[in-house]
């Protein structure tokens, strides 16, 4: 059971007790336990969605040898989370999504399937980190640049 708890924590970032409860509820089924943890994280994200986001990061990503780039502004509640490596990774993934998929606005970006895992949207990706950090996280705006015309 401890190995399963460890594996579930690595996959989801859940706490020990949350992982244990999810595995018990899923009767040892790892896939179902992951779904339960994600659902719980998404529920936590909804509870935090009205909280102010006064910190964050502007992240720049350059792709394809400098022929395209994106700049994203992602906000969170504290600089502690803004400096967290997982938050930086989220910013990078969002910027890569913008370069690859060229959404017209934040609403469209949030609804897009995540380029690395089409089983989830960008909104779900953000909410997963909200569940892990306990803070509200919001994509504020982005810009995309590409040489030539599209």
Foldseek 3Di string as FASTA:
>chain_A
DVVLLVVLCVVQVDDSVLLVVLCVVVVNDSVSSNVVLLVVLLVLQVVAQVDDFDAADWDKDADDVRQKIKIWTKTKNDVVVRPDPLRVVLRHQLGVLCAPPVDPWQVRQQQAQRPVGSVHGNVSVQSSVCSNPVIHMDTDTMDMDGPDDD
